[in-house]
Structures are given as structure tokens and as C-alpha cells.
């Protein structure tokens, strides 16, 4: 394989518009949110055509298959030429559910206590 057959994963995630900046993509790799071959990867890991990448962006886990490699950032319309979104319907439903949770707090009640905040966090995680 030549050098153009492989590309750093952080650079690919940025170029394919999965992350807004390359630094954010590298940080996601560092935190273990990018999974390739069932293993969390470092930002320097090289990817190739045909690899399947799992991206954990809470509350969902996105699945992408690489069609072609790209080094430079492209327009959003052209992204589908380079990656195939294989995210399951269950994961996409998690996005819809998390958007529908709404919490109302009466005016003048102040900030939530530590206990109330934990309850709210647990509600929003589910």
C-alpha cells in the first residue's frame, strides 16, 4: 500500500465533517470515543478504505464506513461520497428521545440543590 492509501483517523474525522476541528477529533480519540475494530484508537492511528468507525457522541453511537479517503475538508454535500452512515435506527431514536425531555423549574426557586441536580442528570442520561 502507498502512503495515500492510509490517513490519520483524526484528520479523516475532521475532513469528513464528523468533528468541527481536528483538535476536537484528536480529543475524542484521547478520551476513547473513537472505536476501530472494537478497540479505542489514538489520533495517530491510520485508517484505510473499508474500515468501520464507531463514534460515541452522547447520547448516540454513530457508525460510519469509509468509502474513500480524503485529506482536506470538503463541503457537507460531498461527504456522502466519502463515508457511508450505517448508524442503526435505535441509536437515531435516542437522539429524538433526548430532544423531547424538557424540564421546567418555577421562577424564583433558585438553583437546584446538589441532590436535585443528580436526579436531573440521571433523568437526562436515560
N, C-alpha and C. Protein backbone atom coordinates (compact mmCIF):
# COMPACT_ATOMS: atom_id res chain seq x y z
N UNK A 1 0.84 -1.20 0.00
CA UNK A 1 0.00 0.00 0.00
C UNK A 1 0.87 1.25 0.00
N UNK A 2 0.42 2.27 -0.67
CA UNK A 2 1.15 3.53 -0.70
C UNK A 2 0.70 4.42 0.44
N UNK A 3 1.38 5.52 0.59
CA UNK A 3 1.05 6.45 1.67
C UNK A 3 -0.34 7.05 1.49
N UNK A 4 -0.81 7.16 0.25
CA UNK A 4 -2.13 7.76 0.03
C UNK A 4 -3.27 6.79 0.33
N UNK A 5 -2.94 5.51 0.59
CA UNK A 5 -3.96 4.52 0.93
C UNK A 5 -4.32 4.56 2.41
N UNK A 6 -3.57 5.31 3.18
CA UNK A 6 -3.79 5.41 4.62
C UNK A 6 -3.80 6.88 5.05
N UNK A 7 -4.52 7.16 6.14
CA UNK A 7 -4.66 8.53 6.63
C UNK A 7 -4.90 8.48 8.13
N UNK A 8 -4.35 9.45 8.86
CA UNK A 8 -4.59 9.53 10.30
C UNK A 8 -6.09 9.68 10.56
N UNK A 9 -6.57 9.00 11.62
CA UNK A 9 -8.00 9.00 11.88
C UNK A 9 -8.51 10.37 12.31
N UNK A 10 -7.72 11.14 13.07
CA UNK A 10 -8.19 12.46 13.48
C UNK A 10 -8.36 13.38 12.27
N UNK A 11 -7.45 13.26 11.32
CA UNK A 11 -7.53 14.09 10.12
C UNK A 11 -8.74 13.68 9.27
N UNK A 12 -9.01 12.39 9.18
CA UNK A 12 -10.15 11.93 8.41
C UNK A 12 -11.47 12.38 9.05
N UNK A 13 -11.58 12.25 10.38
CA UNK A 13 -12.81 12.66 11.07
C UNK A 13 -13.09 14.14 10.88
N UNK A 14 -12.03 14.94 10.85
CA UNK A 14 -12.19 16.37 10.62
C UNK A 14 -12.58 16.64 9.17
N UNK A 15 -11.90 15.99 8.22
CA UNK A 15 -12.17 16.23 6.80
C UNK A 15 -13.57 15.77 6.40
N UNK A 16 -14.06 14.71 7.03
CA UNK A 16 -15.39 14.18 6.71
C UNK A 16 -16.49 14.88 7.50
N UNK A 17 -16.13 15.94 8.22
CA UNK A 17 -17.08 16.76 8.97
C UNK A 17 -17.79 16.03 10.10
N UNK A 18 -17.17 15.02 10.67
CA UNK A 18 -17.74 14.36 11.85
C UNK A 18 -17.44 15.21 13.08
N UNK A 19 -16.28 15.89 13.07
CA UNK A 19 -15.92 16.84 14.11
C UNK A 19 -15.60 18.18 13.48
N UNK A 20 -15.86 19.25 14.22
CA UNK A 20 -15.69 20.60 13.70
C UNK A 20 -14.22 20.97 13.52
N UNK A 21 -13.36 20.52 14.42
CA UNK A 21 -11.93 20.81 14.31
C UNK A 21 -11.14 19.52 14.45
N UNK A 22 -9.92 19.56 13.97
CA UNK A 22 -9.06 18.38 14.09
C UNK A 22 -8.68 18.16 15.56
N UNK A 23 -8.56 19.24 16.30
CA UNK A 23 -8.27 19.13 17.73
C UNK A 23 -9.39 18.42 18.48
N UNK A 24 -10.64 18.69 18.11
CA UNK A 24 -11.77 18.01 18.75
C UNK A 24 -11.76 16.52 18.40
N UNK A 25 -11.39 16.20 17.18
CA UNK A 25 -11.30 14.80 16.77
C UNK A 25 -10.19 14.09 17.55
N UNK A 26 -9.06 14.75 17.72
CA UNK A 26 -7.95 14.17 18.48
C UNK A 26 -8.34 13.99 19.94
N UNK A 27 -9.07 14.94 20.49
CA UNK A 27 -9.51 14.86 21.88
C UNK A 27 -10.49 13.70 22.07
N UNK A 28 -11.38 13.49 21.10
CA UNK A 28 -12.32 12.36 21.17
C UNK A 28 -11.55 11.04 21.14
N UNK A 29 -10.51 10.97 20.34
CA UNK A 29 -9.67 9.76 20.31
C UNK A 29 -9.01 9.55 21.66
N UNK A 30 -8.50 10.62 22.23
CA UNK A 30 -7.81 10.55 23.52
C UNK A 30 -8.74 10.06 24.63
N UNK A 31 -10.01 10.46 24.55
CA UNK A 31 -10.99 10.07 25.56
C UNK A 31 -11.61 8.70 25.30
N UNK A 32 -11.21 8.04 24.20
CA UNK A 32 -11.71 6.70 23.91
C UNK A 32 -13.07 6.67 23.25
N UNK A 33 -13.47 7.74 22.61
CA UNK A 33 -14.78 7.82 21.97
C UNK A 33 -14.79 7.34 20.52
N UNK A 34 -13.62 7.10 19.96
CA UNK A 34 -13.49 6.62 18.59
C UNK A 34 -13.03 5.16 18.66
N UNK A 35 -13.81 4.27 18.05
CA UNK A 35 -13.54 2.84 18.14
C UNK A 35 -13.37 2.28 16.73
N UNK A 36 -12.29 1.56 16.53
CA UNK A 36 -12.00 0.92 15.25
C UNK A 36 -11.60 -0.52 15.55
N UNK A 37 -12.25 -1.47 14.95
CA UNK A 37 -12.00 -2.90 15.20
C UNK A 37 -12.19 -3.24 16.68
N UNK A 38 -13.24 -2.71 17.28
CA UNK A 38 -13.60 -2.96 18.69
C UNK A 38 -12.54 -2.51 19.69
N UNK A 39 -11.68 -1.58 19.28
CA UNK A 39 -10.63 -1.07 20.16
C UNK A 39 -10.61 0.46 20.08
N UNK A 40 -10.62 1.16 21.22
CA UNK A 40 -10.44 2.61 21.17
C UNK A 40 -9.08 2.94 20.57
N UNK A 41 -9.04 3.96 19.72
CA UNK A 41 -7.81 4.25 18.98
C UNK A 41 -7.24 5.61 19.36
N UNK A 42 -5.94 5.76 19.12
CA UNK A 42 -5.28 7.05 19.28
C UNK A 42 -5.48 7.87 18.03
N UNK A 43 -5.23 9.17 18.12
CA UNK A 43 -5.40 10.07 16.98
C UNK A 43 -4.45 9.75 15.84
N UNK A 44 -3.33 9.13 16.15
CA UNK A 44 -2.34 8.83 15.11
C UNK A 44 -2.62 7.54 14.36
N UNK A 45 -3.64 6.80 14.76
CA UNK A 45 -3.97 5.54 14.10
C UNK A 45 -4.36 5.81 12.65
N UNK A 46 -3.87 5.00 11.76
CA UNK A 46 -4.17 5.17 10.35
C UNK A 46 -5.37 4.34 9.96
N UNK A 47 -6.23 4.91 9.12
CA UNK A 47 -7.40 4.21 8.60
C UNK A 47 -7.23 4.00 7.11
N UNK A 48 -8.01 3.07 6.59
CA UNK A 48 -7.96 2.80 5.16
C UNK A 48 -9.38 2.63 4.64
N UNK A 49 -9.54 2.56 3.36
CA UNK A 49 -10.85 2.38 2.75
C UNK A 49 -11.46 1.06 3.22
N UNK A 50 -12.74 1.11 3.59
CA UNK A 50 -13.45 -0.08 4.04
C UNK A 50 -13.52 -0.23 5.54
N UNK A 51 -12.75 0.55 6.30
CA UNK A 51 -12.79 0.47 7.76
C UNK A 51 -14.14 0.96 8.27
N UNK A 52 -14.59 0.37 9.38
CA UNK A 52 -15.82 0.80 10.03
C UNK A 52 -15.44 1.48 11.34
N UNK A 53 -15.90 2.72 11.50
CA UNK A 53 -15.56 3.54 12.67
C UNK A 53 -16.81 3.74 13.51
N UNK A 54 -16.69 3.53 14.82
CA UNK A 54 -17.76 3.86 15.76
C UNK A 54 -17.39 5.16 16.46
N UNK A 55 -18.30 6.11 16.46
CA UNK A 55 -18.07 7.41 17.09
C UNK A 55 -19.10 7.59 18.19
N UNK A 56 -18.63 7.67 19.44
CA UNK A 56 -19.54 7.86 20.56
C UNK A 56 -19.71 9.35 20.83
N UNK A 57 -20.82 9.89 20.35
CA UNK A 57 -21.22 11.26 20.65
C UNK A 57 -22.53 11.13 21.39
N UNK A 58 -22.47 11.31 22.70
CA UNK A 58 -23.65 11.06 23.51
C UNK A 58 -24.83 11.88 23.04
N UNK A 59 -26.01 11.34 23.03
CA UNK A 59 -26.43 10.06 23.59
C UNK A 59 -26.36 8.88 22.62
N UNK A 60 -25.88 9.09 21.42
CA UNK A 60 -25.89 8.03 20.41
C UNK A 60 -24.47 7.58 20.05
N UNK A 61 -24.40 6.40 19.44
CA UNK A 61 -23.14 5.88 18.91
C UNK A 61 -23.33 5.77 17.39
N UNK A 62 -22.56 6.56 16.66
CA UNK A 62 -22.67 6.59 15.20
C UNK A 62 -21.72 5.57 14.59
N UNK A 63 -22.13 4.98 13.48
CA UNK A 63 -21.31 4.01 12.77
C UNK A 63 -21.10 4.49 11.35
N UNK A 64 -19.84 4.56 10.94
CA UNK A 64 -19.50 5.03 9.60
C UNK A 64 -18.57 4.03 8.92
N UNK A 65 -18.78 3.82 7.61
CA UNK A 65 -17.86 3.03 6.80
C UNK A 65 -17.16 3.97 5.84
N UNK A 66 -15.84 3.83 5.73
CA UNK A 66 -15.05 4.71 4.87
C UNK A 66 -15.13 4.19 3.43
N UNK A 67 -15.66 5.03 2.52
CA UNK A 67 -15.71 4.68 1.10
C UNK A 67 -14.41 5.07 0.41
N UNK A 68 -13.97 6.31 0.64
CA UNK A 68 -12.73 6.84 0.08
C UNK A 68 -12.07 7.71 1.13
N UNK A 69 -10.76 7.80 1.07
CA UNK A 69 -10.03 8.68 2.00
C UNK A 69 -9.99 10.09 1.44
N UNK A 70 -9.98 11.05 2.36
CA UNK A 70 -9.90 12.46 1.97
C UNK A 70 -9.04 13.18 2.99
N UNK A 71 -8.14 14.01 2.50
CA UNK A 71 -7.23 14.73 3.40
C UNK A 71 -7.70 16.13 3.73
N UNK A 72 -8.39 16.78 2.80
CA UNK A 72 -8.83 18.15 3.02
C UNK A 72 -10.32 18.20 3.30
N UNK A 73 -10.72 19.15 4.10
CA UNK A 73 -12.13 19.30 4.47
C UNK A 73 -12.94 19.64 3.22
N UNK A 74 -14.12 19.04 3.13
CA UNK A 74 -14.97 19.22 1.96
C UNK A 74 -16.32 19.79 2.38
N UNK A 75 -17.14 20.14 1.39
CA UNK A 75 -18.47 20.66 1.70
C UNK A 75 -19.35 19.53 2.22
N UNK A 76 -20.36 19.89 2.97
CA UNK A 76 -21.24 18.91 3.58
C UNK A 76 -21.97 18.08 2.54
N UNK A 77 -22.23 18.62 1.39
CA UNK A 77 -22.94 17.89 0.35
C UNK A 77 -22.12 16.73 -0.20
N UNK A 78 -20.81 16.87 -0.20
CA UNK A 78 -19.94 15.84 -0.78
C UNK A 78 -19.51 14.77 0.22
N UNK A 79 -19.90 14.90 1.47
CA UNK A 79 -19.47 13.95 2.49
C UNK A 79 -19.96 12.54 2.17
N UNK A 80 -21.14 12.40 1.62
CA UNK A 80 -21.71 11.07 1.35
C UNK A 80 -20.89 10.29 0.32
N UNK A 81 -20.04 10.97 -0.45
CA UNK A 81 -19.17 10.28 -1.40
C UNK A 81 -18.01 9.59 -0.69
N UNK A 82 -17.69 10.02 0.53
CA UNK A 82 -16.51 9.53 1.23
C UNK A 82 -16.82 8.62 2.41
N UNK A 83 -18.00 8.79 3.03
CA UNK A 83 -18.38 7.91 4.14
C UNK A 83 -19.82 7.43 3.95
N UNK A 84 -20.09 6.27 4.50
CA UNK A 84 -21.44 5.71 4.48
C UNK A 84 -21.91 5.65 5.92
N UNK A 85 -23.04 6.28 6.20
CA UNK A 85 -23.60 6.30 7.55
C UNK A 85 -24.36 5.00 7.77
N UNK A 86 -23.88 4.17 8.69
CA UNK A 86 -24.51 2.89 8.98
C UNK A 86 -25.12 2.87 10.38
N UNK A 87 -25.42 4.03 10.92
CA UNK A 87 -25.95 4.15 12.27
C UNK A 87 -27.32 3.48 12.34
N UNK A 88 -27.53 2.67 13.36
CA UNK A 88 -28.79 1.94 13.50
C UNK A 88 -29.94 2.88 13.85
N UNK A 89 -31.14 2.43 13.57
CA UNK A 89 -32.34 3.24 13.84
C UNK A 89 -32.52 3.44 15.34
N UNK A 90 -32.13 2.44 16.14
CA UNK A 90 -32.25 2.55 17.60
C UNK A 90 -31.40 3.71 18.13
N UNK A 91 -30.19 3.84 17.58
CA UNK A 91 -29.31 4.93 18.01
C UNK A 91 -29.87 6.28 17.59
N UNK A 92 -30.45 6.37 16.40
CA UNK A 92 -31.04 7.63 15.95
C UNK A 92 -32.27 7.98 16.77
N UNK A 93 -32.99 6.97 17.24
CA UNK A 93 -34.15 7.22 18.10
C UNK A 93 -33.73 7.81 19.44
N UNK A 94 -32.53 7.45 19.90
CA UNK A 94 -32.02 8.03 21.15
C UNK A 94 -31.90 9.54 21.03
N UNK A 95 -31.52 10.03 19.86
CA UNK A 95 -31.42 11.47 19.65
C UNK A 95 -32.78 12.12 19.76
N UNK A 96 -33.77 11.50 19.18
CA UNK A 96 -35.13 12.04 19.21
C UNK A 96 -35.66 12.07 20.63
N UNK A 97 -35.39 11.02 21.40
CA UNK A 97 -35.87 10.93 22.78
C UNK A 97 -35.19 11.98 23.65
N UNK A 98 -33.89 12.16 23.50
CA UNK A 98 -33.18 13.12 24.35
C UNK A 98 -33.62 14.55 24.05
N UNK A 99 -34.02 14.83 22.82
CA UNK A 99 -34.51 16.17 22.49
C UNK A 99 -35.89 16.43 23.08
N UNK A 100 -36.65 15.38 23.35
CA UNK A 100 -38.02 15.56 23.83
C UNK A 100 -38.10 15.76 25.34
N UNK A 101 -37.03 15.49 26.09
CA UNK A 101 -37.04 15.68 27.54
C UNK A 101 -36.96 17.18 27.82
N UNK A 102 -37.93 17.65 28.58
CA UNK A 102 -37.98 19.07 28.91
C UNK A 102 -38.18 19.19 30.40
N UNK A 103 -37.40 20.02 31.02
CA UNK A 103 -37.50 20.21 32.46
C UNK A 103 -37.90 21.65 32.72
N UNK A 104 -38.93 21.83 33.53
CA UNK A 104 -39.40 23.17 33.86
C UNK A 104 -39.16 23.43 35.34
N UNK A 105 -38.62 24.60 35.64
CA UNK A 105 -38.37 25.00 37.01
C UNK A 105 -39.07 26.33 37.25
N UNK A 106 -39.80 26.41 38.35
CA UNK A 106 -40.55 27.63 38.68
C UNK A 106 -39.60 28.81 38.85
N UNK A 107 -40.03 29.96 38.42
CA UNK A 107 -39.23 31.17 38.55
C UNK A 107 -39.10 31.54 40.03
N UNK A 108 -37.90 31.90 40.43
CA UNK A 108 -37.67 32.31 41.81
C UNK A 108 -37.29 31.19 42.75
N UNK A 109 -37.22 29.95 42.25
CA UNK A 109 -36.86 28.84 43.14
C UNK A 109 -35.36 28.69 43.29
N UNK A 110 -34.60 29.43 42.53
CA UNK A 110 -33.15 29.39 42.66
C UNK A 110 -32.53 28.21 41.93
N UNK A 111 -31.24 28.03 42.19
CA UNK A 111 -30.52 26.94 41.54
C UNK A 111 -30.90 25.62 42.18
N UNK A 112 -30.81 24.52 41.42
CA UNK A 112 -31.11 23.22 42.03
C UNK A 112 -30.04 22.83 43.05
N UNK A 113 -30.46 22.11 44.09
CA UNK A 113 -29.51 21.62 45.07
C UNK A 113 -28.69 20.50 44.44
N UNK A 114 -27.68 20.07 45.18
CA UNK A 114 -26.83 19.00 44.66
C UNK A 114 -27.64 17.72 44.41
N UNK A 115 -28.55 17.42 45.31
CA UNK A 115 -29.39 16.23 45.18
C UNK A 115 -30.32 16.37 43.97
N UNK A 116 -30.95 17.53 43.82
CA UNK A 116 -31.83 17.75 42.67
C UNK A 116 -31.06 17.67 41.36
N UNK A 117 -29.85 18.18 41.36
CA UNK A 117 -29.03 18.16 40.15
C UNK A 117 -28.68 16.72 39.74
N UNK A 118 -28.38 15.89 40.72
CA UNK A 118 -28.08 14.48 40.43
C UNK A 118 -29.30 13.79 39.84
N UNK A 119 -30.47 14.08 40.37
CA UNK A 119 -31.71 13.48 39.85
C UNK A 119 -31.93 13.93 38.39
N UNK A 120 -31.72 15.21 38.13
CA UNK A 120 -31.85 15.73 36.76
C UNK A 120 -30.87 15.08 35.82
N UNK A 121 -29.62 14.93 36.24
CA UNK A 121 -28.59 14.30 35.40
C UNK A 121 -28.96 12.85 35.08
N UNK A 122 -29.47 12.14 36.07
CA UNK A 122 -29.87 10.74 35.85
C UNK A 122 -31.05 10.66 34.88
N UNK A 123 -31.97 11.60 34.96
CA UNK A 123 -33.11 11.63 34.03
C UNK A 123 -32.64 11.86 32.61
N UNK A 124 -31.71 12.79 32.44
CA UNK A 124 -31.25 13.14 31.10
C UNK A 124 -30.36 12.07 30.50
N UNK A 125 -29.70 11.26 31.33
CA UNK A 125 -28.83 10.19 30.81
C UNK A 125 -29.64 9.06 30.21
N UNK A 126 -30.82 8.81 30.74
CA UNK A 126 -31.62 7.68 30.28
C UNK A 126 -32.31 7.94 29.01
